[in-house]
Amino acid sequence: MLGDQGYDAGGILGDLEVRGVTAVIPPKRNRKVQLIIGRHPCAPKNLVERGFNKLKRFRGVATRYDKTAESHLGFIVIASARL
């Protein structure tokens, strides 16, 4: 399971371990026992997050200014092409 640093809690990691799920969550800086993970599994998630952050710079996308789903999607396509 991929997750952000906000999911680096003992309870969440313990629950995933009981279920047999491998957690790929970067540890918080203040964690006493630092888990070592590579950056490679987090690279696709990071790429998607950066793309959304670039789209949020456009006010119409960030505030959902358009009233219909079609016009909102159209503005997202135009903003994506501009980027």
N, C-alpha and C. Protein backbone atom coordinates (compact mmCIF):
# COMPACT_ATOMS: atom_id res chain seq x y z
N MET A 1 0.84 -1.16 0.00
CA MET A 1 0.00 0.00 0.00
C MET A 1 0.89 1.23 0.00
N LEU A 2 0.64 2.12 -0.92
CA LEU A 2 1.35 3.39 -0.96
C LEU A 2 0.60 4.39 -0.11
N GLY A 3 1.32 5.22 0.62
CA GLY A 3 0.67 6.22 1.44
C GLY A 3 1.59 7.37 1.73
N ASP A 4 1.02 8.46 2.21
CA ASP A 4 1.79 9.63 2.59
C ASP A 4 2.31 9.48 4.01
N GLN A 5 3.12 10.46 4.44
CA GLN A 5 3.68 10.42 5.78
C GLN A 5 2.60 10.52 6.85
N GLY A 6 1.46 11.03 6.52
CA GLY A 6 0.37 11.13 7.48
C GLY A 6 -0.16 9.77 7.92
N TYR A 7 0.10 8.74 7.14
CA TYR A 7 -0.35 7.39 7.48
C TYR A 7 0.72 6.58 8.19
N ASP A 8 1.78 7.24 8.65
CA ASP A 8 2.88 6.56 9.33
C ASP A 8 2.60 6.49 10.83
N ALA A 9 1.48 5.94 11.19
CA ALA A 9 1.13 5.76 12.60
C ALA A 9 1.27 4.28 12.95
N GLY A 10 1.60 4.01 14.20
CA GLY A 10 1.80 2.63 14.62
C GLY A 10 0.57 1.77 14.44
N GLY A 11 -0.61 2.32 14.72
CA GLY A 11 -1.85 1.55 14.57
C GLY A 11 -2.13 1.17 13.14
N ILE A 12 -1.91 2.11 12.23
CA ILE A 12 -2.17 1.84 10.81
C ILE A 12 -1.17 0.82 10.29
N LEU A 13 0.10 0.99 10.62
CA LEU A 13 1.12 0.05 10.14
C LEU A 13 0.90 -1.34 10.75
N GLY A 14 0.48 -1.39 12.02
CA GLY A 14 0.20 -2.67 12.67
C GLY A 14 -0.98 -3.39 12.02
N ASP A 15 -2.02 -2.62 11.67
CA ASP A 15 -3.19 -3.21 11.02
C ASP A 15 -2.83 -3.76 9.64
N LEU A 16 -1.99 -3.03 8.90
CA LEU A 16 -1.56 -3.52 7.59
C LEU A 16 -0.72 -4.78 7.72
N GLU A 17 0.12 -4.83 8.75
CA GLU A 17 0.97 -6.01 8.96
C GLU A 17 0.13 -7.24 9.28
N VAL A 18 -0.93 -7.05 10.10
CA VAL A 18 -1.82 -8.16 10.43
C VAL A 18 -2.51 -8.69 9.18
N ARG A 19 -2.87 -7.79 8.28
CA ARG A 19 -3.55 -8.20 7.05
C ARG A 19 -2.60 -8.77 6.00
N GLY A 20 -1.30 -8.65 6.24
CA GLY A 20 -0.33 -9.17 5.29
C GLY A 20 -0.04 -8.23 4.13
N VAL A 21 -0.27 -6.93 4.35
CA VAL A 21 -0.06 -5.93 3.32
C VAL A 21 1.29 -5.27 3.55
N THR A 22 2.07 -5.13 2.49
CA THR A 22 3.35 -4.44 2.59
C THR A 22 3.11 -2.95 2.45
N ALA A 23 3.51 -2.19 3.45
CA ALA A 23 3.31 -0.74 3.44
C ALA A 23 4.54 -0.05 2.87
N VAL A 24 4.33 0.81 1.91
CA VAL A 24 5.39 1.64 1.35
C VAL A 24 5.02 3.07 1.71
N ILE A 25 5.31 3.44 2.94
CA ILE A 25 4.96 4.75 3.47
C ILE A 25 6.24 5.39 3.99
N PRO A 26 6.60 6.58 3.48
CA PRO A 26 7.81 7.23 3.99
C PRO A 26 7.63 7.56 5.46
N PRO A 27 8.64 7.29 6.30
CA PRO A 27 8.50 7.57 7.73
C PRO A 27 8.59 9.05 8.03
N LYS A 28 7.92 9.47 9.10
CA LYS A 28 8.04 10.85 9.57
C LYS A 28 9.44 11.06 10.11
N ARG A 29 9.88 12.30 10.15
CA ARG A 29 11.23 12.61 10.62
C ARG A 29 11.38 12.38 12.12
N ASN A 30 10.29 12.48 12.86
CA ASN A 30 10.39 12.34 14.31
C ASN A 30 10.19 10.89 14.79
N ARG A 31 10.11 9.94 13.87
CA ARG A 31 9.96 8.53 14.25
C ARG A 31 11.28 8.03 14.82
N LYS A 32 11.19 7.34 15.97
CA LYS A 32 12.40 6.86 16.63
C LYS A 32 13.10 5.77 15.83
N VAL A 33 12.34 4.84 15.26
CA VAL A 33 12.91 3.79 14.41
C VAL A 33 12.55 4.14 12.97
N GLN A 34 13.53 4.58 12.21
CA GLN A 34 13.29 4.99 10.84
C GLN A 34 13.25 3.76 9.93
N LEU A 35 12.15 3.58 9.24
CA LEU A 35 12.03 2.50 8.26
C LEU A 35 12.68 2.97 6.96
N ILE A 36 13.40 2.10 6.32
CA ILE A 36 14.09 2.47 5.09
C ILE A 36 13.29 1.95 3.90
N ILE A 37 12.86 2.87 3.05
CA ILE A 37 12.19 2.50 1.80
C ILE A 37 12.90 3.23 0.69
N GLY A 38 12.87 2.66 -0.49
CA GLY A 38 13.46 3.32 -1.64
C GLY A 38 12.52 4.37 -2.20
N ARG A 39 13.03 5.28 -2.96
CA ARG A 39 12.19 6.31 -3.58
C ARG A 39 11.47 5.76 -4.81
N HIS A 40 11.93 4.64 -5.34
CA HIS A 40 11.37 4.12 -6.58
C HIS A 40 9.88 3.80 -6.47
N PRO A 41 9.36 3.15 -5.41
CA PRO A 41 7.92 2.86 -5.37
C PRO A 41 7.05 4.11 -5.27
N CYS A 42 7.59 5.19 -4.74
CA CYS A 42 6.80 6.41 -4.56
C CYS A 42 6.86 7.33 -5.78
N ALA A 43 7.68 7.03 -6.76
CA ALA A 43 7.87 7.92 -7.90
C ALA A 43 6.59 8.14 -8.71
N PRO A 44 5.81 7.11 -9.06
CA PRO A 44 4.58 7.38 -9.84
C PRO A 44 3.57 8.22 -9.06
N LYS A 45 3.43 7.95 -7.77
CA LYS A 45 2.49 8.72 -6.96
C LYS A 45 2.93 10.19 -6.88
N ASN A 46 4.22 10.40 -6.74
CA ASN A 46 4.76 11.75 -6.67
C ASN A 46 4.51 12.49 -7.98
N LEU A 47 4.67 11.81 -9.10
CA LEU A 47 4.44 12.41 -10.41
C LEU A 47 2.99 12.86 -10.57
N VAL A 48 2.05 12.03 -10.15
CA VAL A 48 0.64 12.37 -10.24
C VAL A 48 0.31 13.55 -9.33
N GLU A 49 0.84 13.54 -8.10
CA GLU A 49 0.58 14.64 -7.17
C GLU A 49 1.13 15.96 -7.69
N ARG A 50 2.29 15.93 -8.30
CA ARG A 50 2.86 17.16 -8.87
C ARG A 50 2.01 17.68 -10.02
N GLY A 51 1.46 16.76 -10.82
CA GLY A 51 0.58 17.17 -11.91
C GLY A 51 -0.68 17.86 -11.40
N PHE A 52 -1.28 17.30 -10.34
CA PHE A 52 -2.47 17.94 -9.75
C PHE A 52 -2.13 19.29 -9.15
N ASN A 53 -0.97 19.42 -8.53
CA ASN A 53 -0.58 20.70 -7.94
C ASN A 53 -0.37 21.76 -9.02
N LYS A 54 0.14 21.36 -10.16
CA LYS A 54 0.29 22.32 -11.26
C LYS A 54 -1.07 22.76 -11.78
N LEU A 55 -2.03 21.82 -11.85
CA LEU A 55 -3.38 22.19 -12.30
C LEU A 55 -4.07 23.12 -11.31
N LYS A 56 -3.77 22.97 -10.02
CA LYS A 56 -4.42 23.80 -9.01
C LYS A 56 -4.00 25.26 -9.08
N ARG A 57 -2.93 25.55 -9.82
CA ARG A 57 -2.54 26.95 -9.99
C ARG A 57 -3.57 27.73 -10.79
N PHE A 58 -4.32 27.02 -11.61
CA PHE A 58 -5.38 27.68 -12.38
C PHE A 58 -6.60 27.84 -11.46
N ARG A 59 -7.03 29.06 -11.28
CA ARG A 59 -8.08 29.37 -10.32
C ARG A 59 -9.39 28.65 -10.63
N GLY A 60 -9.72 28.53 -11.89
CA GLY A 60 -10.97 27.87 -12.27
C GLY A 60 -11.00 26.39 -11.91
N VAL A 61 -9.85 25.74 -11.95
CA VAL A 61 -9.79 24.33 -11.59
C VAL A 61 -9.83 24.18 -10.08
N ALA A 62 -9.09 25.02 -9.38
CA ALA A 62 -8.98 24.89 -7.93
C ALA A 62 -10.29 25.19 -7.22
N THR A 63 -11.06 26.15 -7.74
CA THR A 63 -12.30 26.56 -7.06
C THR A 63 -13.55 25.94 -7.65
N ARG A 64 -13.38 25.14 -8.71
CA ARG A 64 -14.52 24.53 -9.41
C ARG A 64 -15.53 25.61 -9.80
N TYR A 65 -15.00 26.63 -10.52
CA TYR A 65 -15.79 27.78 -10.92
C TYR A 65 -16.88 27.41 -11.92
N ASP A 66 -16.60 26.46 -12.80
CA ASP A 66 -17.58 26.07 -13.82
C ASP A 66 -18.75 25.34 -13.19
N LYS A 67 -19.92 25.52 -13.77
CA LYS A 67 -21.14 24.93 -13.19
C LYS A 67 -21.38 23.50 -13.64
N THR A 68 -21.01 23.18 -14.86
CA THR A 68 -21.29 21.83 -15.36
C THR A 68 -20.00 21.00 -15.40
N ALA A 69 -20.18 19.71 -15.37
CA ALA A 69 -19.03 18.81 -15.40
C ALA A 69 -18.30 18.90 -16.75
N GLU A 70 -19.06 19.10 -17.84
CA GLU A 70 -18.44 19.17 -19.16
C GLU A 70 -17.55 20.40 -19.29
N SER A 71 -18.01 21.55 -18.81
CA SER A 71 -17.19 22.75 -18.92
C SER A 71 -15.98 22.68 -17.98
N HIS A 72 -16.15 22.05 -16.82
CA HIS A 72 -15.02 21.89 -15.90
C HIS A 72 -13.96 20.98 -16.52
N LEU A 73 -14.39 19.87 -17.12
CA LEU A 73 -13.46 18.97 -17.79
C LEU A 73 -12.78 19.66 -18.96
N GLY A 74 -13.53 20.47 -19.68
CA GLY A 74 -12.94 21.22 -20.80
C GLY A 74 -11.86 22.16 -20.34
N PHE A 75 -12.10 22.84 -19.21
CA PHE A 75 -11.08 23.75 -18.69
C PHE A 75 -9.85 22.99 -18.22
N ILE A 76 -10.05 21.80 -17.65
CA ILE A 76 -8.92 20.98 -17.22
C ILE A 76 -8.09 20.56 -18.44
N VAL A 77 -8.76 20.21 -19.53
CA VAL A 77 -8.04 19.82 -20.74
C VAL A 77 -7.25 21.00 -21.29
N ILE A 78 -7.84 22.18 -21.31
CA ILE A 78 -7.15 23.37 -21.80
C ILE A 78 -5.96 23.71 -20.91
N ALA A 79 -6.15 23.64 -19.59
CA ALA A 79 -5.06 23.92 -18.66
C ALA A 79 -3.95 22.90 -18.81
N SER A 80 -4.31 21.63 -18.99
CA SER A 80 -3.29 20.58 -19.17
C SER A 80 -2.51 20.79 -20.45
N ALA A 81 -3.18 21.18 -21.51
CA ALA A 81 -2.49 21.44 -22.77
C ALA A 81 -1.54 22.62 -22.63
N ARG A 82 -1.96 23.61 -21.88
CA ARG A 82 -1.11 24.79 -21.68
C ARG A 82 0.13 24.45 -20.86
N LEU A 83 0.00 23.55 -19.91
CA LEU A 83 1.16 23.14 -19.12
C LEU A 83 2.11 22.34 -19.97
